[in-house]
Protein backbone atom coordinates (compact mmCIF):
# COMPACT_ATOMS: atom_id res chain seq x y z
CA MET A 1 -8.23 -3.22 33.09
CA LYS A 2 -5.90 -6.11 33.15
CA ARG A 3 -4.13 -6.58 36.47
CA GLY A 4 -0.76 -7.30 34.70
CA ILE A 5 -0.35 -9.35 31.58
CA GLY A 6 2.70 -11.33 32.46
CA PRO A 7 5.36 -8.96 31.38
CA LEU A 8 8.08 -11.39 32.25
CA LEU A 9 6.54 -14.09 30.09
CA GLY A 10 6.03 -11.66 27.25
CA ALA A 11 9.63 -10.48 27.43
CA ALA A 12 10.93 -14.02 27.62
CA LEU A 13 8.92 -15.25 24.65
CA GLY A 14 9.79 -12.13 22.66
CA CYS A 15 13.45 -12.68 23.26
CA VAL A 16 13.18 -16.34 22.18
CA VAL A 17 11.58 -15.51 18.83
CA LEU A 18 13.74 -12.39 18.22
CA ALA A 19 16.96 -14.20 18.86
CA ALA A 20 16.02 -16.97 16.35
CA ALA A 21 15.01 -14.43 13.68
CA LEU A 22 18.01 -12.01 14.14
CA CYS A 23 20.84 -14.36 14.90
CA PRO A 24 20.58 -17.30 12.49
CA ALA A 25 23.61 -19.29 11.45
CA PRO A 26 24.93 -17.78 8.13
CA GLY A 27 22.86 -19.03 5.26
CA GLN A 28 20.86 -21.45 7.41
CA PRO A 29 17.01 -21.36 7.58
CA VAL A 30 15.60 -19.89 10.81
CA ALA A 31 13.31 -22.23 12.75
CA PRO A 32 10.39 -22.19 13.14
CA PHE A 33 9.86 -19.77 10.25
CA GLU A 34 11.90 -21.26 7.48
CA MET A 35 12.79 -24.60 5.94
CA GLU A 36 15.28 -26.05 3.49
CA GLY A 37 13.98 -26.16 -0.01
CA PRO A 38 15.02 -25.85 -3.64
CA ARG A 39 15.58 -22.38 -5.05
CA THR A 40 14.36 -23.47 -8.44
CA ALA A 41 11.40 -21.79 -10.12
CA ARG A 42 8.01 -23.42 -9.70
CA ASN A 43 6.37 -21.37 -12.41
CA ARG A 44 6.96 -18.47 -14.65
CA ILE A 45 6.36 -15.93 -11.88
CA ASP A 46 9.49 -17.24 -10.10
CA THR A 47 11.57 -17.19 -13.26
CA LEU A 48 10.74 -13.53 -13.81
CA VAL A 49 11.22 -12.56 -10.18
CA MET A 50 14.57 -14.35 -9.95
CA GLU A 51 15.80 -12.75 -13.14
CA ALA A 52 15.16 -9.32 -11.68
CA LEU A 53 16.77 -10.29 -8.35
CA ARG A 54 19.87 -11.62 -10.11
CA ALA A 55 20.11 -8.33 -12.12
CA HIS A 56 20.32 -6.41 -8.88
CA LYS A 57 22.41 -9.07 -7.06
CA ILE A 58 19.72 -9.58 -4.48
CA GLN A 59 19.60 -12.90 -2.58
CA PRO A 60 16.10 -14.37 -2.32
CA ALA A 61 14.70 -15.48 1.07
CA HIS A 62 14.47 -19.15 2.11
CA LEU A 63 11.22 -21.00 1.68
CA CYS A 64 8.82 -20.46 4.56
CA SER A 65 8.10 -23.38 6.90
CA ASP A 66 4.92 -25.42 6.54
CA ALA A 67 3.51 -23.74 9.63
CA VAL A 68 4.10 -20.23 8.31
CA PHE A 69 2.63 -21.16 4.90
CA LEU A 70 -0.42 -22.62 6.51
CA ARG A 71 -1.16 -19.56 8.56
CA ARG A 72 -0.32 -17.21 5.58
CA VAL A 73 -2.48 -18.85 2.96
CA TYR A 74 -5.50 -19.14 5.37
CA LEU A 75 -5.29 -15.46 6.20
CA ASP A 76 -4.76 -14.45 2.59
CA MET A 77 -7.45 -16.70 1.06
CA ILE A 78 -10.15 -16.83 3.59
CA GLY A 79 -9.29 -14.20 6.18
CA THR A 80 -9.19 -16.57 9.13
CA LEU A 81 -6.79 -18.70 11.18
CA PRO A 82 -6.60 -22.45 10.80
CA GLU A 83 -8.17 -24.41 13.62
CA PRO A 84 -5.60 -26.32 15.81
CA GLU A 85 -6.71 -29.64 14.47
CA GLU A 86 -6.27 -28.33 10.90
CA THR A 87 -2.77 -27.22 11.80
CA ARG A 88 -1.90 -30.64 13.27
CA ARG A 89 -3.18 -32.49 10.18
CA PHE A 90 -1.28 -30.20 7.78
CA LEU A 91 2.03 -30.31 9.68
CA GLU A 92 1.83 -34.09 9.98
CA ASP A 93 0.89 -34.60 6.32
CA PRO A 94 3.96 -36.10 4.46
CA ARG A 95 2.72 -35.46 0.98
CA PRO A 96 5.00 -33.33 -1.17
CA ASP A 97 2.01 -31.62 -2.87
CA LYS A 98 0.11 -30.78 0.32
CA ARG A 99 0.54 -27.02 -0.23
CA ALA A 100 -1.03 -27.10 -3.67
CA ALA A 101 -3.82 -29.36 -2.20
CA LEU A 102 -4.48 -26.87 0.54
CA ILE A 103 -4.82 -23.99 -1.96
CA ASP A 104 -7.48 -25.95 -3.85
CA ALA A 105 -9.31 -26.86 -0.63
CA LEU A 106 -9.42 -23.21 0.48
CA PHE A 107 -10.86 -22.13 -2.89
CA ALA A 108 -13.81 -24.50 -2.20
CA ARG A 109 -14.61 -23.17 1.25
CA PRO A 110 -17.47 -20.70 1.60
CA GLU A 111 -15.22 -18.33 3.58
CA PHE A 112 -13.28 -17.63 0.38
CA ALA A 113 -16.17 -15.82 -1.22
CA GLY A 114 -17.03 -14.14 2.12
CA TYR A 115 -13.57 -12.72 2.61
CA TRP A 116 -13.00 -11.57 -0.98
CA SER A 117 -16.38 -9.93 -1.07
CA LEU A 118 -15.04 -7.77 1.72
CA LYS A 119 -12.19 -6.65 -0.55
CA TRP A 120 -14.59 -5.90 -3.41
CA CYS A 121 -16.95 -4.02 -1.11
CA ASP A 122 -14.08 -1.74 -0.19
CA VAL A 123 -13.32 -1.10 -3.81
CA LEU A 124 -16.97 -0.65 -4.82
CA ARG A 125 -17.83 1.52 -1.91
CA VAL A 126 -20.59 -0.63 -0.45
CA LYS A 127 -21.94 1.65 2.28
CA ALA A 128 -25.48 2.55 3.51
CA GLU A 129 -24.92 6.02 4.92
CA PHE A 130 -23.22 9.35 4.14
CA PRO A 131 -21.53 10.07 1.89
CA ILE A 132 -22.45 7.15 -0.28
CA ASN A 133 -26.10 6.56 0.84
CA LEU A 134 -26.92 3.26 -0.73
CA TRP A 135 -29.24 2.59 2.27
CA PRO A 136 -29.45 -0.83 4.02
CA ASN A 137 -31.78 -2.53 1.53
CA ALA A 138 -29.50 -1.85 -1.42
CA VAL A 139 -26.33 -2.72 0.55
CA GLN A 140 -27.67 -6.16 1.27
CA VAL A 141 -28.61 -7.01 -2.33
CA TYR A 142 -25.43 -5.49 -3.73
CA HIS A 143 -23.26 -7.46 -1.28
CA ARG A 144 -25.03 -10.67 -1.99
CA TRP A 145 -24.57 -10.17 -5.77
CA ILE A 146 -20.87 -9.54 -5.26
CA LEU A 147 -20.48 -12.61 -3.03
CA GLU A 148 -22.34 -14.83 -5.43
CA ALA A 149 -20.20 -13.60 -8.33
CA ILE A 150 -17.09 -14.64 -6.49
CA ARG A 151 -18.60 -17.90 -5.26
CA ASP A 152 -19.79 -18.88 -8.74
CA HIS A 153 -16.44 -17.95 -10.52
CA LYS A 154 -18.03 -15.28 -12.67
CA PRO A 155 -15.45 -14.22 -15.27
CA TYR A 156 -14.06 -10.78 -14.41
CA ASP A 157 -14.85 -9.21 -17.84
CA ARG A 158 -18.53 -10.29 -17.42
CA PHE A 159 -18.54 -9.02 -13.83
CA VAL A 160 -17.33 -5.55 -14.91
CA ARG A 161 -19.59 -5.40 -18.01
CA GLU A 162 -22.68 -6.06 -15.88
CA LEU A 163 -21.61 -3.30 -13.46
CA LEU A 164 -21.06 -0.75 -16.23
CA THR A 165 -24.10 -1.39 -18.47
CA THR A 166 -26.87 -2.14 -15.94
CA SER A 167 -30.04 -0.13 -15.62
CA GLY A 168 -33.11 -0.37 -13.38
CA SER A 169 -33.89 -0.43 -9.69
CA ASN A 170 -31.08 -0.48 -7.28
CA TYR A 171 -33.14 -2.76 -5.03
CA ARG A 172 -34.10 -5.23 -7.72
CA ASN A 173 -31.08 -5.12 -10.00
CA PRO A 174 -28.03 -5.18 -7.68
CA PRO A 175 -25.30 -3.98 -10.13
CA VAL A 176 -27.15 -0.73 -10.48
CA ASN A 177 -25.62 0.16 -7.14
CA PHE A 178 -22.31 0.73 -8.75
CA TYR A 179 -23.73 4.02 -9.98
CA ARG A 180 -25.49 4.71 -6.76
CA ALA A 181 -22.25 4.24 -4.84
CA VAL A 182 -20.59 7.17 -6.53
CA GLN A 183 -20.29 10.50 -4.67
CA GLY A 184 -22.23 12.54 -7.23
CA GLN A 185 -24.47 11.67 -10.16
CA GLU A 186 -22.79 14.02 -12.75
CA PRO A 187 -20.80 12.41 -15.55
CA ALA A 188 -17.43 13.62 -14.11
CA ALA A 189 -18.02 11.81 -10.87
CA ILE A 190 -19.03 8.57 -12.58
CA ALA A 191 -16.12 8.74 -15.04
CA ALA A 192 -13.67 9.15 -12.16
CA ALA A 193 -15.11 6.11 -10.26
CA VAL A 194 -14.95 3.95 -13.45
CA ALA A 195 -11.41 4.88 -14.24
CA LEU A 196 -10.31 4.32 -10.68
CA THR A 197 -12.05 1.00 -10.13
CA PHE A 198 -11.48 -0.75 -13.44
CA MET A 199 -8.41 1.04 -14.90
CA GLY A 200 -6.47 1.85 -11.70
CA ALA A 201 -6.24 5.46 -12.94
CA ARG A 202 -6.87 8.72 -11.24
CA VAL A 203 -8.46 11.08 -13.76
CA ALA A 204 -7.61 14.22 -11.75
CA GLN A 205 -4.13 13.81 -13.22
CA TRP A 206 -5.43 13.67 -16.87
CA PRO A 207 -5.56 16.58 -19.28
CA ASP A 208 -8.98 18.28 -19.47
CA ASP A 209 -9.71 17.05 -23.01
CA ARG A 210 -8.93 13.41 -22.18
CA ARG A 211 -11.03 13.56 -19.03
CA ALA A 212 -13.97 15.11 -20.99
CA GLY A 213 -13.76 12.39 -23.58
CA LEU A 214 -14.36 9.71 -20.92
CA GLU A 215 -17.02 11.69 -19.20
CA ALA A 216 -19.04 11.81 -22.46
CA PHE A 217 -19.89 8.13 -22.17
CA PHE A 218 -21.88 8.91 -19.05
CA THR A 219 -23.73 12.06 -20.10
CA ARG A 220 -26.92 10.10 -20.85
CA VAL A 221 -27.08 8.30 -17.43
CA ALA A 222 -30.10 9.54 -15.48
CA PHE A 223 -31.52 8.87 -12.02
CA LYS A 224 -35.00 8.95 -10.58
CA THR A 225 -36.70 7.97 -7.38
CA THR A 226 -39.86 5.90 -6.82
CA ALA A 227 -42.55 5.65 -4.13
CA GLU A 228 -40.67 2.85 -2.41
CA TRP A 229 -38.45 4.04 0.47
CA LYS A 230 -35.02 5.18 -0.79
CA GLU A 231 -35.31 3.19 -4.07
CA GLU A 232 -33.72 4.78 -7.09
CA ILE A 233 -33.86 3.94 -10.83
CA VAL A 234 -30.80 4.31 -13.10
CA TYR A 235 -31.62 4.65 -16.69
CA LEU A 236 -30.54 6.10 -20.04
CA ASP A 237 -32.08 9.46 -20.63
CA PRO A 238 -34.22 9.12 -23.82
CA ALA A 239 -34.41 12.83 -24.57
CA PRO A 240 -31.11 13.23 -26.57
CA ALA A 241 -31.98 11.86 -30.02
CA GLY A 242 -28.76 12.49 -31.92
CA PRO A 243 -25.40 10.65 -32.12
CA LEU A 244 -22.92 11.13 -29.29
CA ALA A 245 -19.24 12.06 -29.67
CA ALA A 246 -16.87 10.50 -27.13
CA VAL A 247 -13.17 9.66 -26.81
CA PHE A 248 -11.73 6.52 -25.32
CA PRO A 249 -8.92 6.96 -22.71
CA ASP A 250 -6.36 5.84 -25.32
CA GLY A 251 -7.25 8.86 -27.45
CA LYS A 252 -9.40 7.16 -30.09
CA ALA A 253 -12.61 9.15 -30.95
CA VAL A 254 -15.90 7.38 -31.49
CA ILE A 255 -19.34 8.49 -32.70
CA ILE A 256 -22.07 6.52 -30.87
CA PRO A 257 -25.30 6.24 -32.94
CA ALA A 258 -28.57 7.38 -31.46
CA GLY A 259 -30.33 4.54 -29.47
CA THR A 260 -27.03 2.86 -28.55
CA ASP A 261 -26.03 2.68 -24.87
CA PRO A 262 -22.64 4.64 -24.66
CA ARG A 263 -21.76 2.61 -21.53
CA GLY A 264 -21.89 -0.59 -23.62
CA VAL A 265 -19.52 0.95 -26.18
CA LEU A 266 -17.12 1.86 -23.43
CA ALA A 267 -17.41 -1.57 -21.86
CA ASP A 268 -16.59 -3.23 -25.18
CA TRP A 269 -13.44 -1.14 -25.47
CA LEU A 270 -12.45 -1.68 -21.83
CA ILE A 271 -12.63 -5.44 -21.64
CA ARG A 272 -10.93 -6.26 -24.89
CA ALA A 273 -7.81 -8.40 -24.63
CA ASN A 274 -5.41 -5.70 -25.72
CA ASN A 275 -6.70 -2.93 -23.54
CA PRO A 276 -3.71 -1.28 -21.79
CA TRP A 277 -5.41 -0.80 -18.46
CA PHE A 278 -8.07 -3.48 -17.78
CA ALA A 279 -6.24 -6.74 -17.19
CA ARG A 280 -3.16 -4.88 -15.86
CA ASN A 281 -5.21 -3.14 -13.21
CA ILE A 282 -6.87 -6.29 -11.79
CA VAL A 283 -3.83 -8.56 -11.74
CA ASN A 284 -1.81 -5.78 -10.08
CA ARG A 285 -4.52 -5.43 -7.46
CA ILE A 286 -4.50 -9.11 -6.76
CA TRP A 287 -0.78 -9.08 -6.36
CA SER A 288 -1.02 -6.11 -4.07
CA TRP A 289 -3.78 -7.81 -2.00
CA LEU A 290 -1.52 -10.90 -1.55
CA PHE A 291 1.83 -9.11 -0.99
CA GLY A 292 0.90 -5.83 0.50
CA ARG A 293 2.28 -3.80 -2.46
CA GLY A 294 1.68 -3.95 -6.17
CA ILE A 295 4.12 -4.71 -8.90
CA LEU A 296 2.99 -1.22 -9.85
CA HIS A 297 2.54 0.74 -6.63
CA GLU A 298 0.24 2.20 -5.55
CA PRO A 299 -2.12 -0.39 -7.11
CA ASP A 300 -4.72 2.30 -8.15
CA ASP A 301 -2.37 4.87 -9.60
CA ILE A 302 -1.50 3.52 -13.06
CA ARG A 303 0.17 6.24 -15.14
CA PRO A 304 3.21 6.47 -17.46
CA ASP A 305 5.50 8.03 -14.88
CA ASN A 306 4.76 5.34 -12.27
CA PRO A 307 6.37 2.23 -13.87
CA PRO A 308 6.09 -1.36 -12.57
CA THR A 309 9.12 -2.64 -10.63
CA ASN A 310 9.07 -5.82 -12.82
CA PRO A 311 7.39 -5.03 -16.20
CA ALA A 312 7.86 -8.54 -17.55
CA LEU A 313 6.11 -10.07 -14.49
CA LEU A 314 3.07 -7.73 -14.83
CA ALA A 315 2.84 -8.45 -18.60
CA PHE A 316 2.91 -12.20 -17.89
CA LEU A 317 0.05 -12.00 -15.39
CA GLU A 318 -1.92 -9.88 -17.81
CA LYS A 319 -1.56 -12.46 -20.58
CA GLU A 320 -2.39 -15.33 -18.19
CA LEU A 321 -5.68 -13.54 -17.17
CA VAL A 322 -6.76 -13.09 -20.80
CA ALA A 323 -5.68 -16.61 -21.83
CA GLY A 324 -7.61 -17.99 -18.82
CA LYS A 325 -10.77 -16.23 -19.99
CA TYR A 326 -10.69 -13.69 -17.15
CA ASP A 327 -10.82 -16.41 -14.42
CA LEU A 328 -9.33 -14.54 -11.41
CA ARG A 329 -8.79 -17.79 -9.58
CA HIS A 330 -6.34 -18.82 -12.20
CA VAL A 331 -4.26 -15.80 -11.29
CA PHE A 332 -4.59 -16.46 -7.61
CA ARG A 333 -3.46 -20.05 -8.07
CA LEU A 334 -0.41 -19.00 -10.06
CA ILE A 335 0.67 -16.52 -7.39
CA LEU A 336 -0.12 -18.69 -4.37
CA SER A 337 1.71 -21.72 -5.95
CA SER A 338 4.82 -19.77 -6.74
CA ARG A 339 8.06 -19.96 -4.66
CA THR A 340 7.98 -16.16 -4.61
CA TYR A 341 4.68 -16.23 -2.60
CA GLN A 342 6.01 -19.08 -0.40
CA GLN A 343 9.21 -17.28 0.57
CA SER A 344 10.12 -16.56 4.17
CA PRO A 345 9.45 -13.10 5.59
CA ILE A 346 13.05 -12.89 6.77
CA PRO A 347 15.10 -11.06 4.11
CA ARG A 348 18.60 -12.24 3.14
CA SER A 349 19.61 -9.01 1.52
CA ASP A 350 19.63 -5.37 2.71
CA HIS A 351 19.40 -4.07 -0.80
CA PRO A 352 17.00 -1.08 -0.92
CA LYS A 353 14.94 -2.67 -3.75
CA ALA A 354 14.69 -6.12 -2.11
CA GLU A 355 11.06 -5.48 -0.95
CA ALA A 356 9.88 -3.82 -4.24
CA LEU A 357 11.31 -6.74 -6.25
CA PHE A 358 9.74 -9.34 -3.89
CA ALA A 359 12.93 -10.94 -2.52
CA PHE A 360 10.95 -11.96 0.57
CA TYR A 361 7.29 -12.07 1.74
CA PRO A 362 6.47 -8.53 3.10
CA VAL A 363 5.35 -8.54 6.74
CA ARG A 364 2.22 -6.45 7.42
CA ARG A 365 -0.35 -6.05 10.04
CA LEU A 366 -3.69 -7.99 9.94
CA ASP A 367 -6.64 -6.12 8.56
CA ALA A 368 -8.92 -4.77 11.35
CA GLU A 369 -11.77 -7.18 10.45
CA VAL A 370 -9.42 -10.20 10.28
CA LEU A 371 -7.73 -9.24 13.60
CA VAL A 372 -10.92 -8.97 15.62
CA ASP A 373 -12.21 -12.20 14.06
CA ALA A 374 -9.00 -13.99 15.04
CA LEU A 375 -9.41 -12.87 18.60
CA CYS A 376 -13.00 -14.17 18.64
CA GLN A 377 -11.87 -17.42 17.05
CA ILE A 378 -9.10 -18.08 19.51
CA CYS A 379 -11.13 -17.16 22.62
CA GLY A 380 -14.58 -18.33 21.62
CA SER A 381 -16.21 -14.97 21.88
CA THR A 382 -18.28 -12.71 19.53
CA GLU A 383 -18.68 -9.08 18.56
CA GLN A 384 -21.94 -7.06 18.38
CA TYR A 385 -22.65 -4.86 15.43
CA SER A 386 -25.73 -2.78 14.86
CA SER A 387 -26.88 0.48 13.23
CA ALA A 388 -29.72 2.42 14.70
CA ILE A 389 -29.97 4.74 11.68
CA PRO A 390 -31.11 4.97 9.03
CA GLU A 391 -34.38 2.99 9.21
CA PRO A 392 -34.81 0.09 9.06
CA PHE A 393 -32.61 -0.68 12.11
CA THR A 394 -29.84 -3.12 11.31
CA PHE A 395 -28.72 -5.82 13.71
CA ILE A 396 -26.01 -8.31 12.77
CA PRO A 397 -26.17 -11.86 14.18
CA GLU A 398 -23.32 -12.41 16.63
CA ALA A 399 -22.43 -15.62 14.91
CA ASN A 400 -21.42 -13.68 11.76
CA ARG A 401 -17.75 -12.98 11.19
CA THR A 402 -16.70 -9.36 10.99
CA VAL A 403 -15.33 -9.83 7.51
CA GLU A 404 -18.85 -10.64 6.49
CA LEU A 405 -20.19 -7.16 7.33
CA ALA A 406 -21.74 -5.92 4.20
CA ASP A 407 -22.22 -2.27 5.28
CA GLY A 408 -19.30 0.00 5.55
CA SER A 409 -21.40 2.25 7.80
CA ILE A 410 -21.69 -0.42 10.53
CA THR A 411 -18.52 -0.29 12.49
CA SER A 412 -17.05 -0.26 16.05
CA LYS A 413 -14.35 1.53 18.00
CA PHE A 414 -12.01 -1.35 17.45
CA LEU A 415 -12.44 -1.40 13.67
CA GLU A 416 -11.97 2.39 13.37
CA MET A 417 -8.91 2.19 15.64
CA PHE A 418 -7.32 -0.52 13.55
CA GLY A 419 -7.77 1.24 10.23
CA ARG A 420 -10.88 -0.20 8.62
CA PRO A 421 -11.55 1.92 5.46
CA ALA A 422 -14.51 4.37 5.37
CA ARG A 423 -15.33 3.24 1.87
CA ASP A 424 -15.91 6.81 0.70
CA THR A 425 -13.49 6.89 -2.27
CA GLY A 426 -12.67 3.34 -3.41
CA LEU A 427 -8.90 4.07 -2.95
CA GLU A 428 -6.84 1.22 -1.48
CA SER A 429 -5.09 3.83 0.75
CA GLU A 430 -8.30 4.30 2.69
CA ARG A 431 -7.39 1.18 4.60
CA SER A 432 -4.59 1.75 7.11
CA ASN A 433 -2.57 -1.08 8.64
CA GLN A 434 -0.09 1.15 10.33
CA PRO A 435 0.37 0.39 14.10
CA THR A 436 -0.42 3.21 16.56
CA ASP A 437 0.05 3.73 20.33
CA GLU A 438 -3.74 3.48 20.72
CA GLN A 439 -3.76 0.11 19.16
CA ARG A 440 -0.89 -1.15 21.36
CA LEU A 441 -2.55 0.09 24.48
CA HIS A 442 -5.91 -1.50 23.52
CA LEU A 443 -4.29 -4.95 22.97
CA LEU A 444 -2.22 -4.67 26.15
CA ASN A 445 -4.55 -3.20 28.61
CA SER A 446 -8.24 -3.17 27.63
CA SER A 447 -11.26 -4.71 29.19
CA HIS A 448 -12.40 -5.66 25.69
CA VAL A 449 -9.50 -8.05 25.22
CA GLN A 450 -9.43 -9.12 28.88
CA GLN A 451 -13.06 -10.25 28.75
CA LYS A 452 -12.47 -12.25 25.54
CA ILE A 453 -9.67 -14.16 27.16
CA GLU A 454 -11.21 -14.71 30.61
CA ARG A 455 -14.72 -15.38 29.50
CA GLY A 456 -14.19 -17.05 26.02
CA SER A 457 -15.87 -20.39 25.79
CA LYS A 458 -13.23 -21.98 23.49
CA LEU A 459 -10.32 -21.14 25.83
CA ARG A 460 -12.25 -22.48 28.74
CA ARG A 461 -12.89 -25.76 27.06
CA LEU A 462 -9.28 -25.98 25.91
CA PHE A 463 -7.94 -25.58 29.52
CA GLU A 464 -10.59 -27.96 30.89
CA GLY A 465 -9.62 -30.59 28.30
CA ALA A 466 -5.95 -30.33 29.25
CA ARG A 467 -6.81 -31.11 32.91
CA GLY A 468 -4.05 -29.02 34.22
CA ASN A 469 -1.32 -30.55 32.07
CA ARG A 470 0.81 -27.50 31.44
CA GLN A 471 2.86 -28.71 28.45
CA ARG A 472 -0.22 -29.95 26.71
CA SER A 473 -1.97 -26.62 27.39
CA VAL A 474 0.96 -24.51 26.12
CA GLU A 475 1.01 -26.57 22.95
CA ALA A 476 -2.75 -26.06 22.40
CA VAL A 477 -2.43 -22.26 23.00
CA TYR A 478 0.45 -21.99 20.49
CA LEU A 479 -1.54 -23.95 17.88
CA ALA A 480 -4.60 -21.74 18.43
CA VAL A 481 -2.84 -18.36 18.42
CA LEU A 482 0.25 -18.78 16.27
CA SER A 483 -0.71 -21.85 14.25
CA ARG A 484 2.43 -23.81 15.14
CA TYR A 485 3.91 -25.80 17.94
CA PRO A 486 6.05 -24.10 20.59
CA THR A 487 9.84 -24.54 20.42
CA ALA A 488 11.69 -26.16 23.25
CA ALA A 489 13.03 -22.77 24.26
CA GLU A 490 9.49 -21.32 24.38
CA GLN A 491 8.25 -24.21 26.50
CA ALA A 492 11.09 -23.58 28.90
CA ALA A 493 10.31 -19.88 29.03
CA VAL A 494 6.71 -20.58 29.99
CA GLU A 495 7.72 -23.12 32.57
CA GLN A 496 10.21 -20.58 34.12
CA TYR A 497 7.49 -18.06 34.26
CA PHE A 498 5.18 -20.38 36.10
CA GLN A 499 7.81 -21.32 38.63
CA GLY A 500 9.03 -17.82 39.18
CA LYS A 501 5.68 -16.16 39.60
CA GLY A 502 3.86 -18.89 41.50
CA VAL A 503 0.62 -18.18 39.56
CA ASN A 504 -2.20 -20.69 39.31
CA PHE A 505 -2.75 -22.74 36.13
CA ARG A 506 -5.73 -20.71 34.68
CA THR A 507 -4.21 -17.30 35.42
CA GLY A 508 -0.91 -18.39 33.89
CA MET A 509 -2.60 -19.74 30.78
CA HIS A 510 -4.50 -16.47 30.38
CA ASP A 511 -1.22 -14.54 30.65
CA LEU A 512 0.24 -16.84 27.91
CA VAL A 513 -2.66 -16.09 25.55
CA TRP A 514 -2.42 -12.38 26.25
CA SER A 515 1.30 -12.38 25.72
CA LEU A 516 1.13 -14.29 22.43
CA ILE A 517 -1.63 -12.05 20.90
CA ASN A 518 0.60 -9.06 21.58
CA THR A 519 3.51 -10.56 19.56
CA LYS A 520 4.32 -9.42 16.11
CA GLU A 521 4.02 -12.97 14.98
CA PHE A 522 0.26 -12.94 15.77
CA LEU A 523 -0.54 -9.37 14.75
CA TYR A 524 1.18 -9.54 11.42
CA ARG A 525 0.90 -11.51 8.17
CA HIS A 526 4.28 -13.10 7.74
């Protein structure tokens, strides 16, 4: 365990940051988190948000600083921190459109598809072992298909249609695993998974007749095994010869002729432009992924008695998705470019509805996979992941990022401790980002973190390159951990720590790193 992580340094730095955030001059931006900027709308999102805020007499937050925006958009788009040199370049870039240019650049990076495939693997329950039991071969092909769909900008309506209407081997036709990743092969289980995933609806709350009407579309889905290990075929049962009566979730009855795939009929209804669930569900999910809460919250609990906090905003995003031919990146770009997204995390109103109406950027803890990757990135260390069962054994190359783990069954004590979802249900609430005492103790006093800091190759090179120059080293550590330069007060606090403790250069720098990774500024999206 750590012999003491510089409590004086940690306390000093914490006081510096806390004083800045809690005691600003009235109406003035708080450095280094905020900046002066116009309060005018950048797009329709801002207009609709500001209208709602004015109606409730809520003051919106200031614009976030360039450093905060840089870190935020890296974490939200590619699940990783900017490298120090990337931070330097962005902060020194004088172009007024550099934020928009950065958004475009991050879309083009391979990490974008890698990170967002993680989100979709949570929703689609990509997992090899109990209770899903896709098995490793199917997990790999399914994950690759999801990643390539995101990388290649596959329109969302086509993505969903392929998942719903596919048949064949789950090893050779990856979308087939949508049906394999349902806990149960009966129509009721499949219908519940379809409604939750693509409509944001929980059918357990529906009347029996309405639920039965949706289940009818899946009564002819059948499964059979093959001689190949754990392979399964999903197909339409040819035995029923007559027409099929079903009811769409909106109450409209339909008679499906013999020989027609009922799933295709449902898919045609689902992805049409005026469907009341389809576009609404996905744009609300995207908003929730980027803000930590949906316009309609919870994001997978769409029902009449759970209204959106800003109906006009949700309707606008729905229309934009349809007009953009279901290009999800179009919705991402609208949100990321808005002043609403680029607000400071420091609220300027104590109104109880300020967060729900998006008067500031909600602070929330990093996802488990993102957090451990950030620690590895800062220190220059790796994590080992493997699964001894089921056969064939699975070993993940150490160079792989944790966010690239395809299989929800392959985990670690750290991931479980920090709330990685089990991928059993597809519910967003399976992921927990709530802090616990166990998490705090691990970050403060574990050999796992200590070894990363003391043995990490990147930190070693960083300190060797500084050649004992304390000011230069402190700057480098801040850029690596917090993606910003230290303030003069923080530099002074570090210098005071060195003089008061009489510690050597390397030990003091290790204490600085350890102190910063235990700050809320590092552990949280802000």
